[in-house]
């Protein structure tokens, strides 16, 4: 699934008020991080993550690694934070309605 420019713009504006829910530290993107992020993104569809100073990878690398592990899309990377999106498979979650082009 590839996001269009309009969809990325919509998700970026939605992520603006989000607080980082996942922190990536010195252990980088490991199995525990992926598991926690998977549970969180399944509930929310859109999550913001932060990369701590002691981490061996920067936010861009971490976002690509985590998005690949989750089958998600990177929405944006700014400084030490990034936002990723994946459509939830659960029926009890309110889905984000993406704009169509």
N, C-alpha and C. Protein backbone atom coordinates (compact mmCIF):
# COMPACT_ATOMS: atom_id res chain seq x y z
N UNK A 1 0.84 -1.19 0.00
CA UNK A 1 0.00 0.00 0.00
C UNK A 1 0.88 1.24 0.00
N UNK A 2 0.72 2.05 -1.00
CA UNK A 2 1.47 3.29 -1.07
C UNK A 2 0.52 4.46 -0.85
N UNK A 3 0.93 5.38 -0.01
CA UNK A 3 0.09 6.53 0.29
C UNK A 3 0.29 7.61 -0.76
N UNK A 4 -0.79 8.29 -1.13
CA UNK A 4 -0.71 9.41 -2.06
C UNK A 4 -0.27 10.65 -1.29
N UNK A 5 0.06 11.72 -2.01
CA UNK A 5 0.49 12.96 -1.36
C UNK A 5 -0.61 13.55 -0.48
N UNK A 6 -1.85 13.47 -0.94
CA UNK A 6 -2.97 13.99 -0.16
C UNK A 6 -3.16 13.18 1.12
N UNK A 7 -3.00 11.87 1.03
CA UNK A 7 -3.15 11.02 2.20
C UNK A 7 -2.04 11.28 3.21
N UNK A 8 -0.82 11.46 2.73
CA UNK A 8 0.30 11.78 3.62
C UNK A 8 0.05 13.10 4.32
N UNK A 9 -0.45 14.08 3.57
CA UNK A 9 -0.75 15.40 4.16
C UNK A 9 -1.82 15.26 5.24
N UNK A 10 -2.84 14.46 4.99
CA UNK A 10 -3.91 14.24 5.96
C UNK A 10 -3.36 13.57 7.21
N UNK A 11 -2.56 12.53 7.05
CA UNK A 11 -2.00 11.81 8.20
C UNK A 11 -1.01 12.67 8.98
N UNK A 12 -0.24 13.49 8.29
CA UNK A 12 0.69 14.40 8.97
C UNK A 12 -0.05 15.38 9.86
N UNK A 13 -1.16 15.91 9.37
CA UNK A 13 -1.93 16.86 10.18
C UNK A 13 -2.56 16.16 11.38
N UNK A 14 -2.99 14.90 11.21
CA UNK A 14 -3.56 14.14 12.32
C UNK A 14 -2.49 13.81 13.37
N UNK A 15 -1.27 13.56 12.92
CA UNK A 15 -0.19 13.17 13.82
C UNK A 15 0.38 14.36 14.58
N UNK A 16 0.04 15.56 14.14
CA UNK A 16 0.60 16.76 14.74
C UNK A 16 0.37 16.83 16.25
N UNK A 17 -0.80 16.45 16.71
CA UNK A 17 -1.10 16.56 18.14
C UNK A 17 -0.82 15.27 18.92
N UNK A 18 -0.31 14.23 18.26
CA UNK A 18 -0.01 12.97 18.95
C UNK A 18 1.26 13.10 19.78
N UNK A 19 1.30 12.36 20.87
CA UNK A 19 2.50 12.24 21.69
C UNK A 19 3.20 10.94 21.30
N UNK A 20 4.53 10.89 21.37
CA UNK A 20 5.24 9.65 21.03
C UNK A 20 4.84 8.51 21.97
N UNK A 21 4.41 7.39 21.40
CA UNK A 21 3.99 6.23 22.18
C UNK A 21 5.08 5.16 22.25
N UNK A 22 5.98 5.16 21.31
CA UNK A 22 7.06 4.18 21.26
C UNK A 22 8.39 4.94 21.33
N UNK A 23 9.27 4.47 22.22
CA UNK A 23 10.60 5.06 22.31
C UNK A 23 11.63 4.02 21.92
N UNK A 24 12.53 4.41 21.05
CA UNK A 24 13.58 3.51 20.60
C UNK A 24 14.89 3.98 21.23
N UNK A 25 15.48 3.10 22.01
CA UNK A 25 16.69 3.46 22.76
C UNK A 25 17.92 2.72 22.28
N UNK A 26 18.81 2.41 23.24
CA UNK A 26 20.10 1.81 22.88
C UNK A 26 19.97 0.41 22.28
N UNK A 27 18.86 -0.29 22.53
CA UNK A 27 18.66 -1.61 21.93
C UNK A 27 18.13 -1.53 20.50
N UNK A 28 17.92 -0.32 20.03
CA UNK A 28 17.45 -0.05 18.66
C UNK A 28 16.12 -0.76 18.39
N UNK A 29 15.88 -1.14 17.14
CA UNK A 29 14.62 -1.78 16.77
C UNK A 29 14.79 -3.29 16.95
N UNK A 30 14.35 -3.79 18.11
CA UNK A 30 14.47 -5.21 18.39
C UNK A 30 13.09 -5.86 18.42
N UNK A 31 13.05 -7.14 18.77
CA UNK A 31 11.80 -7.89 18.75
C UNK A 31 10.75 -7.30 19.70
N UNK A 32 11.20 -6.88 20.88
CA UNK A 32 10.27 -6.31 21.87
C UNK A 32 9.67 -4.99 21.37
N UNK A 33 10.50 -4.17 20.73
CA UNK A 33 10.02 -2.91 20.17
C UNK A 33 8.99 -3.16 19.08
N UNK A 34 9.27 -4.11 18.21
CA UNK A 34 8.35 -4.43 17.12
C UNK A 34 7.04 -4.96 17.67
N UNK A 35 7.10 -5.80 18.70
CA UNK A 35 5.88 -6.37 19.30
C UNK A 35 5.03 -5.27 19.93
N UNK A 36 5.68 -4.37 20.67
CA UNK A 36 4.96 -3.26 21.31
C UNK A 36 4.35 -2.34 20.26
N UNK A 37 5.12 -2.02 19.22
CA UNK A 37 4.63 -1.14 18.16
C UNK A 37 3.48 -1.80 17.40
N UNK A 38 3.55 -3.12 17.19
CA UNK A 38 2.49 -3.84 16.49
C UNK A 38 1.18 -3.76 17.26
N UNK A 39 1.24 -3.98 18.57
CA UNK A 39 0.04 -3.89 19.41
C UNK A 39 -0.55 -2.48 19.39
N UNK A 40 0.33 -1.49 19.46
CA UNK A 40 -0.11 -0.09 19.50
C UNK A 40 -0.71 0.34 18.16
N UNK A 41 -0.05 -0.01 17.07
CA UNK A 41 -0.54 0.43 15.75
C UNK A 41 -1.83 -0.30 15.38
N UNK A 42 -2.04 -1.48 15.92
CA UNK A 42 -3.28 -2.23 15.68
C UNK A 42 -4.46 -1.52 16.35
N UNK A 43 -4.20 -0.84 17.46
CA UNK A 43 -5.26 -0.14 18.19
C UNK A 43 -5.51 1.27 17.64
N UNK A 44 -4.46 1.90 17.11
CA UNK A 44 -4.56 3.31 16.75
C UNK A 44 -4.38 3.63 15.27
N UNK A 45 -3.76 2.76 14.53
CA UNK A 45 -3.45 2.92 13.10
C UNK A 45 -2.36 3.94 12.81
N UNK A 46 -2.25 4.98 13.60
CA UNK A 46 -1.26 6.04 13.37
C UNK A 46 -0.51 6.26 14.67
N UNK A 47 0.80 6.05 14.66
CA UNK A 47 1.58 6.24 15.89
C UNK A 47 2.81 7.09 15.64
N UNK A 48 3.17 7.83 16.68
CA UNK A 48 4.38 8.64 16.65
C UNK A 48 5.41 7.96 17.53
N UNK A 49 6.64 7.90 17.07
CA UNK A 49 7.73 7.26 17.81
C UNK A 49 8.87 8.25 17.96
N UNK A 50 9.65 8.07 19.02
CA UNK A 50 10.83 8.92 19.19
C UNK A 50 12.07 8.06 19.35
N UNK A 51 13.19 8.58 18.89
CA UNK A 51 14.47 7.89 18.98
C UNK A 51 15.30 8.64 20.00
N UNK A 52 15.75 7.92 21.04
CA UNK A 52 16.53 8.54 22.10
C UNK A 52 17.97 8.78 21.66
N UNK A 53 18.67 9.65 22.39
CA UNK A 53 20.03 10.04 22.01
C UNK A 53 21.03 8.88 21.99
N UNK A 54 20.90 7.90 22.89
CA UNK A 54 21.86 6.81 22.97
C UNK A 54 21.69 5.74 21.91
N UNK A 55 20.75 5.92 21.02
CA UNK A 55 20.45 4.91 20.00
C UNK A 55 21.50 4.95 18.88
N UNK A 56 21.82 3.78 18.35
CA UNK A 56 22.83 3.68 17.29
C UNK A 56 22.32 4.04 15.91
N UNK A 57 21.01 4.17 15.75
CA UNK A 57 20.44 4.54 14.45
C UNK A 57 19.71 5.87 14.57
N UNK A 58 19.60 6.58 13.46
CA UNK A 58 18.86 7.83 13.50
C UNK A 58 17.38 7.56 13.23
N UNK A 59 16.57 8.60 13.29
CA UNK A 59 15.12 8.44 13.17
C UNK A 59 14.72 7.89 11.80
N UNK A 60 15.41 8.31 10.75
CA UNK A 60 15.07 7.83 9.40
C UNK A 60 15.30 6.33 9.28
N UNK A 61 16.47 5.87 9.75
CA UNK A 61 16.77 4.43 9.69
C UNK A 61 15.80 3.63 10.57
N UNK A 62 15.54 4.14 11.78
CA UNK A 62 14.63 3.45 12.70
C UNK A 62 13.23 3.36 12.12
N UNK A 63 12.78 4.45 11.47
CA UNK A 63 11.43 4.44 10.89
C UNK A 63 11.32 3.41 9.77
N UNK A 64 12.36 3.32 8.95
CA UNK A 64 12.34 2.36 7.85
C UNK A 64 12.38 0.91 8.38
N UNK A 65 13.21 0.67 9.40
CA UNK A 65 13.30 -0.67 9.98
C UNK A 65 11.97 -1.09 10.61
N UNK A 66 11.38 -0.19 11.40
CA UNK A 66 10.13 -0.50 12.09
C UNK A 66 8.97 -0.65 11.10
N UNK A 67 8.90 0.23 10.12
CA UNK A 67 7.83 0.16 9.13
C UNK A 67 7.92 -1.14 8.33
N UNK A 68 9.12 -1.55 7.98
CA UNK A 68 9.31 -2.79 7.23
C UNK A 68 8.89 -4.00 8.08
N UNK A 69 9.26 -3.99 9.36
CA UNK A 69 8.92 -5.10 10.25
C UNK A 69 7.41 -5.19 10.49
N UNK A 70 6.73 -4.04 10.46
CA UNK A 70 5.29 -4.00 10.73
C UNK A 70 4.43 -4.06 9.47
N UNK A 71 5.05 -3.88 8.31
CA UNK A 71 4.27 -3.78 7.08
C UNK A 71 3.50 -2.47 7.04
N UNK A 72 4.13 -1.41 7.53
CA UNK A 72 3.49 -0.10 7.64
C UNK A 72 4.14 0.89 6.69
N UNK A 73 3.57 2.09 6.65
CA UNK A 73 4.10 3.17 5.81
C UNK A 73 4.66 4.27 6.69
N UNK A 74 5.82 4.81 6.32
CA UNK A 74 6.39 5.96 7.02
C UNK A 74 5.67 7.20 6.50
N UNK A 75 5.09 7.96 7.42
CA UNK A 75 4.36 9.18 7.04
C UNK A 75 5.30 10.37 7.02
N UNK A 76 6.09 10.53 8.10
CA UNK A 76 7.05 11.64 8.13
C UNK A 76 8.14 11.37 9.16
N UNK A 77 9.28 12.01 8.95
CA UNK A 77 10.40 11.95 9.89
C UNK A 77 10.85 13.38 10.12
N UNK A 78 10.81 13.81 11.39
CA UNK A 78 11.27 15.16 11.73
C UNK A 78 12.15 15.04 12.97
N UNK A 79 13.39 15.45 12.84
CA UNK A 79 14.31 15.40 13.98
C UNK A 79 14.50 13.98 14.48
N UNK A 80 14.19 13.78 15.77
CA UNK A 80 14.34 12.44 16.35
C UNK A 80 12.99 11.73 16.49
N UNK A 81 11.99 12.20 15.78
CA UNK A 81 10.66 11.59 15.84
C UNK A 81 10.19 11.20 14.44
N UNK A 82 9.33 10.18 14.42
CA UNK A 82 8.74 9.77 13.15
C UNK A 82 7.34 9.23 13.38
N UNK A 83 6.56 9.23 12.29
CA UNK A 83 5.17 8.78 12.34
C UNK A 83 5.00 7.67 11.32
N UNK A 84 4.33 6.59 11.74
CA UNK A 84 4.03 5.50 10.82
C UNK A 84 2.54 5.18 10.86
N UNK A 85 2.06 4.63 9.74
CA UNK A 85 0.63 4.31 9.59
C UNK A 85 0.47 2.91 9.04
N UNK A 86 -0.49 2.19 9.59
CA UNK A 86 -0.91 0.91 9.03
C UNK A 86 -2.38 0.71 9.35
N UNK A 87 -3.13 0.30 8.36
CA UNK A 87 -4.56 0.05 8.56
C UNK A 87 -4.74 -1.12 9.52
N UNK A 88 -5.64 -0.98 10.49
CA UNK A 88 -5.89 -1.99 11.50
C UNK A 88 -6.74 -3.12 10.93
N UNK A 89 -6.49 -4.33 11.41
CA UNK A 89 -7.28 -5.48 10.99
C UNK A 89 -8.43 -5.75 11.96
N UNK A 90 -8.45 -5.04 13.08
CA UNK A 90 -9.48 -5.26 14.09
C UNK A 90 -10.78 -4.54 13.73
N UNK A 91 -11.90 -5.14 14.08
CA UNK A 91 -13.20 -4.54 13.79
C UNK A 91 -13.64 -3.56 14.86
N UNK A 92 -13.09 -3.66 16.08
CA UNK A 92 -13.51 -2.79 17.18
C UNK A 92 -12.74 -1.47 17.22
N UNK A 93 -11.89 -1.23 16.23
CA UNK A 93 -11.10 0.00 16.16
C UNK A 93 -11.72 0.95 15.14
N UNK A 94 -11.82 2.22 15.53
CA UNK A 94 -12.33 3.23 14.59
C UNK A 94 -11.26 3.50 13.54
N UNK A 95 -11.57 3.22 12.30
CA UNK A 95 -10.61 3.33 11.21
C UNK A 95 -10.46 4.79 10.77
N UNK A 96 -9.25 5.12 10.35
CA UNK A 96 -8.97 6.43 9.77
C UNK A 96 -9.46 6.41 8.34
N UNK A 97 -10.32 7.35 7.99
CA UNK A 97 -10.82 7.43 6.61
C UNK A 97 -9.87 8.30 5.79
N UNK A 98 -9.11 7.66 4.91
CA UNK A 98 -8.16 8.38 4.09
C UNK A 98 -8.86 9.02 2.90
N UNK A 99 -8.38 10.20 2.51
CA UNK A 99 -8.93 10.89 1.36
C UNK A 99 -8.55 10.13 0.09
N UNK A 100 -9.38 10.25 -0.91
CA UNK A 100 -9.09 9.63 -2.22
C UNK A 100 -8.70 10.74 -3.18
N UNK A 101 -7.86 10.41 -4.14
CA UNK A 101 -7.47 11.43 -5.12
C UNK A 101 -8.38 11.37 -6.32
